[in-house]
Amino acid sequence: MERRHEELLTARLEEAMLNGYSRFTWQELYHWYGMQKLAAGTYRDLAGRWRDLTSRKRGPLMMVRSGGDALIVFGGHGVRPIDPNDAK
């Protein structure tokens, strides 16, 4: 991975850490990692970068596939399902 791509990736992970989530398009990830298909190693790398960046204080890196074109990432600390009993 090129250094400038590493910096972009780190900036997006920081965005998730500071603002709650970040969005990666599949095309960005393919380009940054120099692949045509993302493999387990890619996800391990993202999770490792997240752990290093957050010092393991934001929980695991979680993801949601947004439609067919993007990946939304966020920290797993404090994540829970919506509960109708929480309504005020």
PDB file of N, CA and C in Angstrom:
ATOM      1  N   MET A   1       0.840  -1.165   0.000  1.00  0.00           N
ATOM      2  CA  MET A   1       0.000   0.000   0.000  1.00  0.00           C
ATOM      3  C   MET A   1       0.892   1.237   0.000  1.00  0.00           C
ATOM      4  N   GLU A   2       0.526   2.200  -0.824  1.00  0.00           N
ATOM      5  CA  GLU A   2       1.287   3.447  -0.888  1.00  0.00           C
ATOM      6  C   GLU A   2       1.068   4.265   0.378  1.00  0.00           C
ATOM      7  N   ARG A   3       2.066   5.052   0.721  1.00  0.00           N
ATOM      8  CA  ARG A   3       1.997   5.837   1.947  1.00  0.00           C
ATOM      9  C   ARG A   3       0.782   6.774   1.964  1.00  0.00           C
ATOM     10  N   ARG A   4       0.509   7.415   0.840  1.00  0.00           N
ATOM     11  CA  ARG A   4      -0.636   8.343   0.796  1.00  0.00           C
ATOM     12  C   ARG A   4      -1.954   7.610   1.023  1.00  0.00           C
ATOM     13  N   HIS A   5      -2.028   6.348   0.566  1.00  0.00           N
ATOM     14  CA  HIS A   5      -3.233   5.557   0.801  1.00  0.00           C
ATOM     15  C   HIS A   5      -3.334   5.162   2.274  1.00  0.00           C
ATOM     16  N   GLU A   6      -2.201   4.857   2.885  1.00  0.00           N
ATOM     17  CA  GLU A   6      -2.198   4.557   4.319  1.00  0.00           C
ATOM     18  C   GLU A   6      -2.690   5.757   5.116  1.00  0.00           C
ATOM     19  N   GLU A   7      -2.276   6.952   4.701  1.00  0.00           N
ATOM     20  CA  GLU A   7      -2.708   8.162   5.396  1.00  0.00           C
ATOM     21  C   GLU A   7      -4.206   8.395   5.227  1.00  0.00           C
ATOM     22  N   LEU A   8      -4.733   8.137   4.037  1.00  0.00           N
ATOM     23  CA  LEU A   8      -6.170   8.265   3.813  1.00  0.00           C
ATOM     24  C   LEU A   8      -6.947   7.249   4.657  1.00  0.00           C
ATOM     25  N   LEU A   9      -6.452   6.029   4.695  1.00  0.00           N
ATOM     26  CA  LEU A   9      -7.086   4.976   5.478  1.00  0.00           C
ATOM     27  C   LEU A   9      -7.088   5.343   6.961  1.00  0.00           C
ATOM     28  N   THR A  10      -5.964   5.820   7.463  1.00  0.00           N
ATOM     29  CA  THR A  10      -5.876   6.225   8.864  1.00  0.00           C
ATOM     30  C   THR A  10      -6.832   7.375   9.152  1.00  0.00           C
ATOM     31  N   ALA A  11      -6.925   8.326   8.231  1.00  0.00           N
ATOM     32  CA  ALA A  11      -7.840   9.456   8.422  1.00  0.00           C
ATOM     33  C   ALA A  11      -9.285   8.978   8.515  1.00  0.00           C
ATOM     34  N   ARG A  12      -9.665   7.998   7.705  1.00  0.00           N
ATOM     35  CA  ARG A  12     -11.034   7.477   7.755  1.00  0.00           C
ATOM     36  C   ARG A  12     -11.295   6.736   9.063  1.00  0.00           C
ATOM     37  N   LEU A  13     -10.299   5.989   9.525  1.00  0.00           N
ATOM     38  CA  LEU A  13     -10.465   5.289  10.801  1.00  0.00           C
ATOM     39  C   LEU A  13     -10.548   6.291  11.950  1.00  0.00           C
ATOM     40  N   GLU A  14      -9.778   7.376  11.873  1.00  0.00           N
ATOM     41  CA  GLU A  14      -9.874   8.427  12.881  1.00  0.00           C
ATOM     42  C   GLU A  14     -11.255   9.077  12.845  1.00  0.00           C
ATOM     43  N   GLU A  15     -11.793   9.245  11.649  1.00  0.00           N
ATOM     44  CA  GLU A  15     -13.144   9.787  11.515  1.00  0.00           C
ATOM     45  C   GLU A  15     -14.140   8.898  12.258  1.00  0.00           C
ATOM     46  N   ALA A  16     -14.019   7.592  12.099  1.00  0.00           N
ATOM     47  CA  ALA A  16     -14.907   6.658  12.802  1.00  0.00           C
ATOM     48  C   ALA A  16     -14.709   6.776  14.315  1.00  0.00           C
ATOM     49  N   MET A  17     -13.471   6.902  14.750  1.00  0.00           N
ATOM     50  CA  MET A  17     -13.178   7.011  16.171  1.00  0.00           C
ATOM     51  C   MET A  17     -13.760   8.301  16.755  1.00  0.00           C
ATOM     52  N   LEU A  18     -13.618   9.411  16.034  1.00  0.00           N
ATOM     53  CA  LEU A  18     -14.029  10.710  16.550  1.00  0.00           C
ATOM     54  C   LEU A  18     -15.506  11.028  16.330  1.00  0.00           C
ATOM     55  N   ASN A  19     -16.063  10.560  15.212  1.00  0.00           N
ATOM     56  CA  ASN A  19     -17.428  10.929  14.850  1.00  0.00           C
ATOM     57  C   ASN A  19     -18.419   9.769  14.900  1.00  0.00           C
ATOM     58  N   GLY A  20     -17.935   8.586  15.234  1.00  0.00           N
ATOM     59  CA  GLY A  20     -18.844   7.458  15.384  1.00  0.00           C
ATOM     60  C   GLY A  20     -18.877   6.491  14.216  1.00  0.00           C
ATOM     61  N   TYR A  21     -18.574   6.955  13.015  1.00  0.00           N
ATOM     62  CA  TYR A  21     -18.567   6.066  11.850  1.00  0.00           C
ATOM     63  C   TYR A  21     -17.787   6.701  10.712  1.00  0.00           C
ATOM     64  N   SER A  22     -17.467   5.871   9.732  1.00  0.00           N
ATOM     65  CA  SER A  22     -16.840   6.349   8.509  1.00  0.00           C
ATOM     66  C   SER A  22     -17.280   5.439   7.361  1.00  0.00           C
ATOM     67  N   ARG A  23     -17.130   5.926   6.156  1.00  0.00           N
ATOM     68  CA  ARG A  23     -17.570   5.187   4.962  1.00  0.00           C
ATOM     69  C   ARG A  23     -16.395   5.009   4.015  1.00  0.00           C
ATOM     70  N   PHE A  24     -16.217   3.772   3.560  1.00  0.00           N
ATOM     71  CA  PHE A  24     -15.229   3.434   2.533  1.00  0.00           C
ATOM     72  C   PHE A  24     -15.987   2.896   1.332  1.00  0.00           C
ATOM     73  N   THR A  25     -15.670   3.373   0.137  1.00  0.00           N
ATOM     74  CA  THR A  25     -16.257   2.713  -1.029  1.00  0.00           C
ATOM     75  C   THR A  25     -15.412   1.489  -1.341  1.00  0.00           C
ATOM     76  N   TRP A  26     -16.027   0.516  -1.968  1.00  0.00           N
ATOM     77  CA  TRP A  26     -15.287  -0.688  -2.348  1.00  0.00           C
ATOM     78  C   TRP A  26     -14.164  -0.326  -3.304  1.00  0.00           C
ATOM     79  N   GLN A  27     -14.428   0.610  -4.213  1.00  0.00           N
ATOM     80  CA  GLN A  27     -13.407   0.997  -5.189  1.00  0.00           C
ATOM     81  C   GLN A  27     -12.185   1.601  -4.496  1.00  0.00           C
ATOM     82  N   GLU A  28     -12.413   2.386  -3.453  1.00  0.00           N
ATOM     83  CA  GLU A  28     -11.282   2.937  -2.697  1.00  0.00           C
ATOM     84  C   GLU A  28     -10.460   1.817  -2.071  1.00  0.00           C
ATOM     85  N   LEU A  29     -11.129   0.899  -1.412  1.00  0.00           N
ATOM     86  CA  LEU A  29     -10.417  -0.192  -0.754  1.00  0.00           C
ATOM     87  C   LEU A  29      -9.655  -1.055  -1.759  1.00  0.00           C
ATOM     88  N   TYR A  30     -10.269  -1.375  -2.893  1.00  0.00           N
ATOM     89  CA  TYR A  30      -9.574  -2.158  -3.929  1.00  0.00           C
ATOM     90  C   TYR A  30      -8.329  -1.415  -4.396  1.00  0.00           C
ATOM     91  N   HIS A  31      -8.487  -0.120  -4.629  1.00  0.00           N
ATOM     92  CA  HIS A  31      -7.368   0.688  -5.121  1.00  0.00           C
ATOM     93  C   HIS A  31      -6.264   0.800  -4.072  1.00  0.00           C
ATOM     94  N   TRP A  32      -6.631   1.129  -2.844  1.00  0.00           N
ATOM     95  CA  TRP A  32      -5.641   1.312  -1.789  1.00  0.00           C
ATOM     96  C   TRP A  32      -4.874   0.030  -1.499  1.00  0.00           C
ATOM     97  N   TYR A  33      -5.576  -1.099  -1.466  1.00  0.00           N
ATOM     98  CA  TYR A  33      -4.926  -2.369  -1.161  1.00  0.00           C
ATOM     99  C   TYR A  33      -4.349  -3.045  -2.407  1.00  0.00           C
ATOM    100  N   GLY A  34      -4.609  -2.478  -3.596  1.00  0.00           N
ATOM    101  CA  GLY A  34      -4.063  -3.029  -4.837  1.00  0.00           C
ATOM    102  C   GLY A  34      -4.623  -4.402  -5.163  1.00  0.00           C
ATOM    103  N   MET A  35      -5.916  -4.569  -4.934  1.00  0.00           N
ATOM    104  CA  MET A  35      -6.562  -5.871  -5.163  1.00  0.00           C
ATOM    105  C   MET A  35      -7.845  -5.691  -5.949  1.00  0.00           C
ATOM    106  N   GLN A  36      -8.313  -6.786  -6.512  1.00  0.00           N
ATOM    107  CA  GLN A  36      -9.602  -6.781  -7.187  1.00  0.00           C
ATOM    108  C   GLN A  36     -10.666  -7.472  -6.341  1.00  0.00           C
ATOM    109  N   LYS A  37     -10.236  -8.139  -5.296  1.00  0.00           N
ATOM    110  CA  LYS A  37     -11.154  -8.782  -4.365  1.00  0.00           C
ATOM    111  C   LYS A  37     -10.538  -8.675  -2.976  1.00  0.00           C
ATOM    112  N   LEU A  38     -11.339  -8.266  -2.009  1.00  0.00           N
ATOM    113  CA  LEU A  38     -10.828  -8.149  -0.648  1.00  0.00           C
ATOM    114  C   LEU A  38     -10.857  -9.520   0.014  1.00  0.00           C
ATOM    115  N   ALA A  39      -9.769  -9.859   0.647  1.00  0.00           N
ATOM    116  CA  ALA A  39      -9.633 -11.155   1.303  1.00  0.00           C
ATOM    117  C   ALA A  39      -9.595 -10.967   2.814  1.00  0.00           C
ATOM    118  N   ALA A  40      -9.511 -12.057   3.533  1.00  0.00           N
ATOM    119  CA  ALA A  40      -9.481 -12.024   4.990  1.00  0.00           C
ATOM    120  C   ALA A  40      -8.336 -11.153   5.510  1.00  0.00           C
ATOM    121  N   GLY A  41      -7.206 -11.165   4.817  1.00  0.00           N
ATOM    122  CA  GLY A  41      -6.066 -10.360   5.237  1.00  0.00           C
ATOM    123  C   GLY A  41      -6.374  -8.872   5.246  1.00  0.00           C
ATOM    124  N   THR A  42      -7.209  -8.425   4.322  1.00  0.00           N
ATOM    125  CA  THR A  42      -7.604  -7.021   4.271  1.00  0.00           C
ATOM    126  C   THR A  42      -8.389  -6.652   5.522  1.00  0.00           C
ATOM    127  N   TYR A  43      -9.336  -7.492   5.884  1.00  0.00           N
ATOM    128  CA  TYR A  43     -10.153  -7.231   7.068  1.00  0.00           C
ATOM    129  C   TYR A  43      -9.309  -7.313   8.340  1.00  0.00           C
ATOM    130  N   ARG A  44      -8.354  -8.238   8.372  1.00  0.00           N
ATOM    131  CA  ARG A  44      -7.445  -8.325   9.521  1.00  0.00           C
ATOM    132  C   ARG A  44      -6.613  -7.052   9.633  1.00  0.00           C
ATOM    133  N   ASP A  45      -6.155  -6.536   8.499  1.00  0.00           N
ATOM    134  CA  ASP A  45      -5.371  -5.307   8.496  1.00  0.00           C
ATOM    135  C   ASP A  45      -6.202  -4.140   9.016  1.00  0.00           C
ATOM    136  N   LEU A  46      -7.433  -3.989   8.540  1.00  0.00           N
ATOM    137  CA  LEU A  46      -8.301  -2.917   9.012  1.00  0.00           C
ATOM    138  C   LEU A  46      -8.528  -3.030  10.518  1.00  0.00           C
ATOM    139  N   ALA A  47      -8.817  -4.234  10.995  1.00  0.00           N
ATOM    140  CA  ALA A  47      -9.056  -4.446  12.428  1.00  0.00           C
ATOM    141  C   ALA A  47      -7.806  -4.134  13.243  1.00  0.00           C
ATOM    142  N   GLY A  48      -6.640  -4.523  12.747  1.00  0.00           N
ATOM    143  CA  GLY A  48      -5.388  -4.252  13.442  1.00  0.00           C
ATOM    144  C   GLY A  48      -5.086  -2.764  13.512  1.00  0.00           C
ATOM    145  N   ARG A  49      -5.313  -2.070  12.417  1.00  0.00           N
ATOM    146  CA  ARG A  49      -5.099  -0.619  12.401  1.00  0.00           C
ATOM    147  C   ARG A  49      -6.044   0.062  13.401  1.00  0.00           C
ATOM    148  N   TRP A  50      -7.278  -0.424  13.456  1.00  0.00           N
ATOM    149  CA  TRP A  50      -8.262   0.122  14.390  1.00  0.00           C
ATOM    150  C   TRP A  50      -7.819  -0.100  15.835  1.00  0.00           C
ATOM    151  N   ARG A  51      -7.381  -1.307  16.138  1.00  0.00           N
ATOM    152  CA  ARG A  51      -6.913  -1.612  17.504  1.00  0.00           C
ATOM    153  C   ARG A  51      -5.744  -0.706  17.883  1.00  0.00           C
ATOM    154  N   ASP A  52      -4.800  -0.535  16.966  1.00  0.00           N
ATOM    155  CA  ASP A  52      -3.644   0.319  17.237  1.00  0.00           C
ATOM    156  C   ASP A  52      -4.063   1.779  17.438  1.00  0.00           C
ATOM    157  N   LEU A  53      -4.945   2.249  16.585  1.00  0.00           N
ATOM    158  CA  LEU A  53      -5.386   3.642  16.633  1.00  0.00           C
ATOM    159  C   LEU A  53      -6.157   3.946  17.913  1.00  0.00           C
ATOM    160  N   THR A  54      -7.015   3.039  18.322  1.00  0.00           N
ATOM    161  CA  THR A  54      -7.892   3.292  19.468  1.00  0.00           C
ATOM    162  C   THR A  54      -7.337   2.734  20.773  1.00  0.00           C
ATOM    163  N   SER A  55      -6.180   2.100  20.716  1.00  0.00           N
ATOM    164  CA  SER A  55      -5.598   1.460  21.908  1.00  0.00           C
ATOM    165  C   SER A  55      -6.590   0.495  22.562  1.00  0.00           C
ATOM    166  N   ARG A  56      -7.404  -0.141  21.724  1.00  0.00           N
ATOM    167  CA  ARG A  56      -8.404  -1.133  22.164  1.00  0.00           C
ATOM    168  C   ARG A  56      -9.472  -0.553  23.092  1.00  0.00           C
ATOM    169  N   LYS A  57      -9.680   0.759  23.067  1.00  0.00           N
ATOM    170  CA  LYS A  57     -10.637   1.404  23.967  1.00  0.00           C
ATOM    171  C   LYS A  57     -11.999   1.667  23.333  1.00  0.00           C
ATOM    172  N   ARG A  58     -12.151   1.369  22.058  1.00  0.00           N
ATOM    173  CA  ARG A  58     -13.421   1.627  21.371  1.00  0.00           C
ATOM    174  C   ARG A  58     -14.106   0.348  20.921  1.00  0.00           C
ATOM    175  N   GLY A  59     -13.648  -0.774  21.445  1.00  0.00           N
ATOM    176  CA  GLY A  59     -14.221  -2.053  21.032  1.00  0.00           C
ATOM    177  C   GLY A  59     -13.705  -2.458  19.672  1.00  0.00           C
ATOM    178  N   PRO A  60     -14.173  -3.597  19.171  1.00  0.00           N
ATOM    179  CA  PRO A  60     -13.720  -4.059  17.858  1.00  0.00           C
ATOM    180  C   PRO A  60     -14.272  -3.181  16.740  1.00  0.00           C
ATOM    181  N   LEU A  61     -13.591  -3.196  15.610  1.00  0.00           N
ATOM    182  CA  LEU A  61     -14.084  -2.485  14.434  1.00  0.00           C
ATOM    183  C   LEU A  61     -15.263  -3.271  13.873  1.00  0.00           C
ATOM    184  N   MET A  62     -16.390  -2.615  13.743  1.00  0.00           N
ATOM    185  CA  MET A  62     -17.608  -3.238  13.231  1.00  0.00           C
ATOM    186  C   MET A  62     -17.869  -2.690  11.828  1.00  0.00           C
ATOM    187  N   MET A  63     -18.675  -3.413  11.050  1.00  0.00           N
ATOM    188  CA  MET A  63     -18.981  -2.940   9.703  1.00  0.00           C
ATOM    189  C   MET A  63     -20.410  -3.267   9.306  1.00  0.00           C
ATOM    190  N   VAL A  64     -20.898  -2.454   8.401  1.00  0.00           N
ATOM    191  CA  VAL A  64     -22.188  -2.672   7.755  1.00  0.00           C
ATOM    192  C   VAL A  64     -21.944  -2.465   6.273  1.00  0.00           C
ATOM    193  N   ARG A  65     -22.406  -3.377   5.459  1.00  0.00           N
ATOM    194  CA  ARG A  65     -22.300  -3.195   4.006  1.00  0.00           C
ATOM    195  C   ARG A  65     -23.442  -2.306   3.558  1.00  0.00           C
ATOM    196  N   SER A  66     -23.084  -1.164   3.006  1.00  0.00           N
ATOM    197  CA  SER A  66     -24.065  -0.174   2.592  1.00  0.00           C
ATOM    198  C   SER A  66     -24.374  -0.355   1.119  1.00  0.00           C
ATOM    199  N   GLY A  67     -25.520  -0.933   0.846  1.00  0.00           N
ATOM    200  CA  GLY A  67     -25.876  -1.183  -0.548  1.00  0.00           C
ATOM    201  C   GLY A  67     -24.814  -2.026  -1.215  1.00  0.00           C
ATOM    202  N   GLY A  68     -24.517  -1.746  -2.457  1.00  0.00           N
ATOM    203  CA  GLY A  68     -23.505  -2.512  -3.154  1.00  0.00           C
ATOM    204  C   GLY A  68     -22.194  -1.785  -3.337  1.00  0.00           C
ATOM    205  N   ASP A  69     -22.104  -0.535  -2.828  1.00  0.00           N
ATOM    206  CA  ASP A  69     -20.922   0.260  -3.170  1.00  0.00           C
ATOM    207  C   ASP A  69     -20.053   0.696  -2.004  1.00  0.00           C
ATOM    208  N   ALA A  70     -20.435   0.390  -0.766  1.00  0.00           N
ATOM    209  CA  ALA A  70     -19.652   0.937   0.347  1.00  0.00           C
ATOM    210  C   ALA A  70     -19.681   0.046   1.586  1.00  0.00           C
ATOM    211  N   LEU A  71     -18.755   0.369   2.462  1.00  0.00           N
ATOM    212  CA  LEU A  71     -18.609  -0.297   3.749  1.00  0.00           C
ATOM    213  C   LEU A  71     -18.621   0.798   4.806  1.00  0.00           C
ATOM    214  N   ILE A  72     -19.538   0.711   5.760  1.00  0.00           N
ATOM    215  CA  ILE A  72     -19.604   1.656   6.863  1.00  0.00           C
ATOM    216  C   ILE A  72     -18.919   0.985   8.048  1.00  0.00           C
ATOM    217  N   VAL A  73     -17.960   1.672   8.681  1.00  0.00           N
ATOM    218  CA  VAL A  73     -17.247   1.098   9.826  1.00  0.00           C
ATOM    219  C   VAL A  73     -17.490   1.961  11.059  1.00  0.00           C
ATOM    220  N   PHE A  74     -17.479   1.300  12.218  1.00  0.00           N
ATOM    221  CA  PHE A  74     -17.681   1.990  13.492  1.00  0.00           C
ATOM    222  C   PHE A  74     -17.141   1.113  14.612  1.00  0.00           C
ATOM    223  N   GLY A  75     -16.911   1.732  15.751  1.00  0.00           N
ATOM    224  CA  GLY A  75     -16.409   0.998  16.903  1.00  0.00           C
ATOM    225  C   GLY A  75     -17.517   0.242  17.599  1.00  0.00           C
ATOM    226  N   GLY A  76     -17.198  -0.933  18.123  1.00  0.00           N
ATOM    227  CA  GLY A  76     -18.193  -1.784  18.756  1.00  0.00           C
ATOM    228  C   GLY A  76     -18.485  -1.451  20.205  1.00  0.00           C
ATOM    229  N   HIS A  77     -17.739  -0.517  20.786  1.00  0.00           N
ATOM    230  CA  HIS A  77     -17.976  -0.159  22.186  1.00  0.00           C
ATOM    231  C   HIS A  77     -19.331   0.535  22.314  1.00  0.00           C
ATOM    232  N   GLY A  78     -20.207  -0.014  23.121  1.00  0.00           N
ATOM    233  CA  GLY A  78     -21.516   0.590  23.348  1.00  0.00           C
ATOM    234  C   GLY A  78     -22.551   0.265  22.295  1.00  0.00           C
ATOM    235  N   VAL A  79     -22.244  -0.582  21.339  1.00  0.00           N
ATOM    236  CA  VAL A  79     -23.201  -0.938  20.300  1.00  0.00           C
ATOM    237  C   VAL A  79     -24.237  -1.901  20.885  1.00  0.00           C
ATOM    238  N   ARG A  80     -25.486  -1.625  20.613  1.00  0.00           N
ATOM    239  CA  ARG A  80     -26.541  -2.523  21.061  1.00  0.00           C
ATOM    240  C   ARG A  80     -27.727  -2.392  20.111  1.00  0.00           C
ATOM    241  N   PRO A  81     -28.600  -3.379  20.098  1.00  0.00           N
ATOM    242  CA  PRO A  81     -29.772  -3.292  19.213  1.00  0.00           C
ATOM    243  C   PRO A  81     -30.768  -2.254  19.717  1.00  0.00           C
ATOM    244  N   ILE A  82     -31.601  -1.784  18.813  1.00  0.00           N
ATOM    245  CA  ILE A  82     -32.660  -0.866  19.193  1.00  0.00           C
ATOM    246  C   ILE A  82     -33.702  -1.639  19.987  1.00  0.00           C
ATOM    247  N   ASP A  83     -34.093  -1.074  21.110  1.00  0.00           N
ATOM    248  CA  ASP A  83     -35.070  -1.709  21.992  1.00  0.00           C
ATOM    249  C   ASP A  83     -36.249  -0.758  22.146  1.00  0.00           C
ATOM    250  N   PRO A  84     -37.472  -1.190  21.767  1.00  0.00           N
ATOM    251  CA  PRO A  84     -38.643  -0.321  21.906  1.00  0.00           C
ATOM    252  C   PRO A  84     -38.857   0.159  23.341  1.00  0.00           C
ATOM    253  N   ASN A  85     -38.349  -0.586  24.316  1.00  0.00           N
ATOM    254  CA  ASN A  85     -38.508  -0.190  25.707  1.00  0.00           C
ATOM    255  C   ASN A  85     -37.649   1.020  26.071  1.00  0.00           C
ATOM    256  N   ASP A  86     -36.730   1.396  25.190  1.00  0.00           N
ATOM    257  CA  ASP A  86     -35.878   2.556  25.426  1.00  0.00           C
ATOM    258  C   ASP A  86     -36.593   3.867  25.075  1.00  0.00           C
ATOM    259  N   ALA A  87     -37.750   3.772  24.395  1.00  0.00           N
ATOM    260  CA  ALA A  87     -38.459   4.969  23.973  1.00  0.00           C
ATOM    261  C   ALA A  87     -38.906   5.775  25.197  1.00  0.00           C
ATOM    262  N   LYS A  88     -38.857   7.076  25.041  1.00  0.00           N
ATOM    263  CA  LYS A  88     -39.242   7.951  26.157  1.00  0.00           C
ATOM    264  C   LYS A  88     -40.537   8.653  25.867  1.00  0.00           C
TER     265      LYS A  88
END
